[in-house]
Amino acid sequence: MVVAIQLAMEDFLPWDIKPHKGATPSELCLYKRDSYDVLVSPGTEGLVYVAITLRQSACHEEGEILLDMGALYAIDVKNWRILAVER
């Protein structure tokens, strides 16, 4: 499960990605991995599903609403590859 989470997170938010110059505090927050929650569910035939969602209390400035920040991954744990991503 942990390896599946690592594979999905590295695709979703690579370690070497940097925010653009002049990024707002909310934008800077979106580049932090601890701003996201991760849920994992075992599937059939060697599949694991990993859901990455923005933590409800993270990255909000007053008057700002962030919607649809996350992704759902289908991970093949036999070959350690991403089969599908829904963003």
N, C-alpha and C. Protein backbone atom coordinates (compact mmCIF):
# COMPACT_ATOMS: atom_id res chain seq x y z
N MET A 1 0.82 -1.19 0.00
CA MET A 1 0.00 0.00 0.00
C MET A 1 0.87 1.26 0.00
N VAL A 2 1.92 1.25 0.82
CA VAL A 2 2.77 2.43 0.93
C VAL A 2 3.46 2.73 -0.40
N VAL A 3 3.91 1.71 -1.09
CA VAL A 3 4.58 1.91 -2.38
C VAL A 3 3.58 2.46 -3.41
N ALA A 4 2.35 1.99 -3.37
CA ALA A 4 1.32 2.50 -4.27
C ALA A 4 1.07 3.99 -4.00
N ILE A 5 1.04 4.37 -2.73
CA ILE A 5 0.86 5.78 -2.37
C ILE A 5 2.04 6.60 -2.88
N GLN A 6 3.25 6.10 -2.70
CA GLN A 6 4.43 6.82 -3.18
C GLN A 6 4.39 7.02 -4.69
N LEU A 7 4.02 5.99 -5.41
CA LEU A 7 3.95 6.07 -6.87
C LEU A 7 2.92 7.11 -7.31
N ALA A 8 1.76 7.11 -6.68
CA ALA A 8 0.72 8.08 -7.03
C ALA A 8 1.13 9.50 -6.65
N MET A 9 1.67 9.68 -5.45
CA MET A 9 2.08 11.03 -5.02
C MET A 9 3.20 11.60 -5.88
N GLU A 10 4.13 10.75 -6.30
CA GLU A 10 5.22 11.25 -7.15
C GLU A 10 4.69 11.71 -8.51
N ASP A 11 3.65 11.05 -9.00
CA ASP A 11 3.03 11.51 -10.24
C ASP A 11 2.21 12.78 -10.02
N PHE A 12 1.46 12.81 -8.92
CA PHE A 12 0.57 13.94 -8.63
C PHE A 12 1.34 15.20 -8.27
N LEU A 13 2.36 15.06 -7.43
CA LEU A 13 3.13 16.21 -6.95
C LEU A 13 4.60 15.80 -6.80
N PRO A 14 5.34 15.84 -7.91
CA PRO A 14 6.75 15.42 -7.86
C PRO A 14 7.55 16.25 -6.85
N TRP A 15 8.55 15.61 -6.24
CA TRP A 15 9.36 16.28 -5.23
C TRP A 15 10.08 17.50 -5.77
N ASP A 16 10.45 17.49 -7.04
CA ASP A 16 11.26 18.58 -7.59
C ASP A 16 10.45 19.73 -8.19
N ILE A 17 9.13 19.68 -8.12
CA ILE A 17 8.31 20.76 -8.67
C ILE A 17 8.35 21.97 -7.73
N LYS A 18 8.43 23.14 -8.32
CA LYS A 18 8.53 24.38 -7.55
C LYS A 18 7.40 25.33 -7.97
N PRO A 19 6.90 26.13 -7.03
CA PRO A 19 5.87 27.12 -7.39
C PRO A 19 6.47 28.25 -8.23
N HIS A 20 5.62 28.90 -9.00
CA HIS A 20 6.08 30.01 -9.84
C HIS A 20 6.37 31.23 -8.97
N LYS A 21 7.16 32.15 -9.50
CA LYS A 21 7.45 33.39 -8.77
C LYS A 21 6.17 34.19 -8.60
N GLY A 22 6.01 34.78 -7.45
CA GLY A 22 4.82 35.57 -7.18
C GLY A 22 3.62 34.74 -6.77
N ALA A 23 3.82 33.48 -6.45
CA ALA A 23 2.71 32.61 -6.05
C ALA A 23 2.06 33.14 -4.77
N THR A 24 0.76 33.04 -4.72
CA THR A 24 0.01 33.46 -3.53
C THR A 24 0.23 32.43 -2.41
N PRO A 25 -0.10 32.78 -1.17
CA PRO A 25 0.00 31.79 -0.09
C PRO A 25 -0.81 30.52 -0.36
N SER A 26 -1.97 30.65 -0.97
CA SER A 26 -2.77 29.46 -1.30
C SER A 26 -2.06 28.61 -2.35
N GLU A 27 -1.47 29.24 -3.34
CA GLU A 27 -0.74 28.49 -4.37
C GLU A 27 0.47 27.79 -3.76
N LEU A 28 1.20 28.47 -2.88
CA LEU A 28 2.34 27.85 -2.21
C LEU A 28 1.90 26.63 -1.42
N CYS A 29 0.76 26.73 -0.77
CA CYS A 29 0.22 25.64 0.03
C CYS A 29 -0.07 24.41 -0.84
N LEU A 30 -0.53 24.62 -2.07
CA LEU A 30 -0.85 23.52 -2.97
C LEU A 30 0.37 22.71 -3.37
N TYR A 31 1.56 23.25 -3.18
CA TYR A 31 2.80 22.55 -3.51
C TYR A 31 3.34 21.74 -2.33
N LYS A 32 2.64 21.73 -1.23
CA LYS A 32 3.07 20.98 -0.04
C LYS A 32 2.30 19.66 0.04
N ARG A 33 3.03 18.60 0.15
CA ARG A 33 2.38 17.28 0.22
C ARG A 33 1.52 17.11 1.45
N ASP A 34 1.87 17.78 2.54
CA ASP A 34 1.06 17.63 3.75
C ASP A 34 -0.26 18.40 3.68
N SER A 35 -0.53 19.06 2.56
CA SER A 35 -1.82 19.72 2.34
C SER A 35 -2.87 18.74 1.82
N TYR A 36 -2.47 17.51 1.56
CA TYR A 36 -3.36 16.53 0.94
C TYR A 36 -3.60 15.33 1.85
N ASP A 37 -4.78 14.76 1.74
CA ASP A 37 -5.12 13.50 2.39
C ASP A 37 -5.05 12.40 1.34
N VAL A 38 -4.71 11.21 1.77
CA VAL A 38 -4.60 10.06 0.86
C VAL A 38 -5.43 8.92 1.43
N LEU A 39 -6.28 8.35 0.59
CA LEU A 39 -7.06 7.16 0.93
C LEU A 39 -6.65 6.04 -0.01
N VAL A 40 -6.53 4.83 0.52
CA VAL A 40 -6.10 3.68 -0.27
C VAL A 40 -7.14 2.57 -0.12
N SER A 41 -7.43 1.91 -1.24
CA SER A 41 -8.38 0.81 -1.21
C SER A 41 -7.86 -0.32 -2.10
N PRO A 42 -7.78 -1.54 -1.56
CA PRO A 42 -7.36 -2.66 -2.40
C PRO A 42 -8.45 -3.01 -3.41
N GLY A 43 -8.03 -3.34 -4.60
CA GLY A 43 -8.96 -3.75 -5.64
C GLY A 43 -8.79 -5.24 -5.92
N THR A 44 -9.26 -5.66 -7.07
CA THR A 44 -9.13 -7.06 -7.46
C THR A 44 -7.91 -7.25 -8.36
N GLU A 45 -7.43 -8.44 -8.44
CA GLU A 45 -6.36 -8.84 -9.36
C GLU A 45 -5.14 -7.94 -9.32
N GLY A 46 -4.65 -7.64 -8.12
CA GLY A 46 -3.42 -6.88 -7.99
C GLY A 46 -3.55 -5.39 -8.21
N LEU A 47 -4.74 -4.85 -8.06
CA LEU A 47 -4.95 -3.41 -8.20
C LEU A 47 -5.10 -2.76 -6.83
N VAL A 48 -4.60 -1.55 -6.73
CA VAL A 48 -4.81 -0.72 -5.55
C VAL A 48 -5.27 0.64 -6.04
N TYR A 49 -6.28 1.18 -5.41
CA TYR A 49 -6.79 2.51 -5.77
C TYR A 49 -6.31 3.51 -4.73
N VAL A 50 -5.77 4.62 -5.23
CA VAL A 50 -5.24 5.66 -4.36
C VAL A 50 -5.98 6.96 -4.69
N ALA A 51 -6.64 7.54 -3.70
CA ALA A 51 -7.33 8.82 -3.87
C ALA A 51 -6.55 9.89 -3.12
N ILE A 52 -6.22 10.97 -3.83
CA ILE A 52 -5.51 12.10 -3.25
C ILE A 52 -6.47 13.29 -3.29
N THR A 53 -6.75 13.87 -2.12
CA THR A 53 -7.66 15.00 -2.04
C THR A 53 -7.06 16.11 -1.19
N LEU A 54 -7.41 17.33 -1.52
CA LEU A 54 -6.95 18.46 -0.74
C LEU A 54 -7.59 18.42 0.64
N ARG A 55 -6.77 18.52 1.67
CA ARG A 55 -7.28 18.52 3.05
C ARG A 55 -8.24 19.70 3.20
N GLN A 56 -9.37 19.48 3.77
CA GLN A 56 -10.43 20.49 3.85
C GLN A 56 -9.96 21.77 4.53
N SER A 57 -9.09 21.67 5.50
CA SER A 57 -8.65 22.85 6.24
C SER A 57 -7.40 23.50 5.64
N ALA A 58 -6.91 22.99 4.53
CA ALA A 58 -5.65 23.48 3.95
C ALA A 58 -5.89 24.48 2.82
N CYS A 59 -4.96 25.40 2.67
CA CYS A 59 -4.81 26.25 1.48
C CYS A 59 -5.96 27.21 1.21
N HIS A 60 -6.60 27.72 2.23
CA HIS A 60 -7.71 28.65 2.00
C HIS A 60 -7.37 30.04 2.53
N GLU A 61 -7.46 31.00 1.64
CA GLU A 61 -7.40 32.39 2.06
C GLU A 61 -8.85 32.86 2.19
N GLU A 62 -9.06 33.89 2.93
CA GLU A 62 -10.42 34.38 3.12
C GLU A 62 -11.04 34.76 1.77
N GLY A 63 -12.26 34.30 1.56
CA GLY A 63 -12.98 34.61 0.34
C GLY A 63 -12.60 33.74 -0.85
N GLU A 64 -11.73 32.78 -0.64
CA GLU A 64 -11.26 31.93 -1.74
C GLU A 64 -11.82 30.53 -1.57
N ILE A 65 -12.26 29.95 -2.67
CA ILE A 65 -12.78 28.58 -2.65
C ILE A 65 -11.98 27.76 -3.65
N LEU A 66 -11.41 26.66 -3.18
CA LEU A 66 -10.66 25.76 -4.05
C LEU A 66 -11.49 24.50 -4.24
N LEU A 67 -11.75 24.16 -5.48
CA LEU A 67 -12.56 22.99 -5.79
C LEU A 67 -11.75 21.99 -6.63
N ASP A 68 -12.10 20.75 -6.52
CA ASP A 68 -11.59 19.71 -7.41
C ASP A 68 -10.07 19.64 -7.44
N MET A 69 -9.45 19.63 -6.28
CA MET A 69 -8.00 19.53 -6.19
C MET A 69 -7.64 18.11 -5.73
N GLY A 70 -7.32 17.27 -6.65
CA GLY A 70 -6.95 15.91 -6.29
C GLY A 70 -6.97 14.99 -7.49
N ALA A 71 -6.80 13.70 -7.22
CA ALA A 71 -6.78 12.71 -8.29
C ALA A 71 -7.08 11.33 -7.72
N LEU A 72 -7.51 10.44 -8.60
CA LEU A 72 -7.76 9.05 -8.26
C LEU A 72 -6.89 8.20 -9.17
N TYR A 73 -6.11 7.30 -8.57
CA TYR A 73 -5.17 6.45 -9.32
C TYR A 73 -5.55 4.99 -9.20
N ALA A 74 -5.37 4.25 -10.29
CA ALA A 74 -5.44 2.80 -10.29
C ALA A 74 -4.00 2.31 -10.47
N ILE A 75 -3.47 1.59 -9.48
CA ILE A 75 -2.08 1.16 -9.48
C ILE A 75 -2.01 -0.36 -9.61
N ASP A 76 -1.22 -0.83 -10.55
CA ASP A 76 -0.93 -2.25 -10.71
C ASP A 76 0.22 -2.58 -9.77
N VAL A 77 -0.07 -3.30 -8.69
CA VAL A 77 0.96 -3.58 -7.68
C VAL A 77 1.80 -4.81 -8.02
N LYS A 78 1.50 -5.49 -9.10
CA LYS A 78 2.34 -6.60 -9.55
C LYS A 78 3.53 -6.04 -10.34
N ASN A 79 3.26 -5.05 -11.17
CA ASN A 79 4.30 -4.47 -12.04
C ASN A 79 4.69 -3.05 -11.62
N TRP A 80 4.06 -2.53 -10.58
CA TRP A 80 4.32 -1.19 -10.05
C TRP A 80 4.25 -0.13 -11.13
N ARG A 81 3.05 -0.01 -11.70
CA ARG A 81 2.82 1.03 -12.70
C ARG A 81 1.43 1.61 -12.53
N ILE A 82 1.27 2.83 -13.00
CA ILE A 82 -0.02 3.51 -12.95
C ILE A 82 -0.81 3.07 -14.17
N LEU A 83 -2.00 2.52 -13.94
CA LEU A 83 -2.85 2.09 -15.04
C LEU A 83 -3.80 3.18 -15.50
N ALA A 84 -4.28 4.00 -14.57
CA ALA A 84 -5.25 5.04 -14.92
C ALA A 84 -5.19 6.15 -13.89
N VAL A 85 -5.49 7.37 -14.36
CA VAL A 85 -5.54 8.53 -13.49
C VAL A 85 -6.78 9.33 -13.86
N GLU A 86 -7.53 9.74 -12.85
CA GLU A 86 -8.67 10.64 -13.04
C GLU A 86 -8.40 11.88 -12.20
N ARG A 87 -8.26 13.01 -12.87
CA ARG A 87 -7.97 14.27 -12.16
C ARG A 87 -9.19 15.15 -12.15
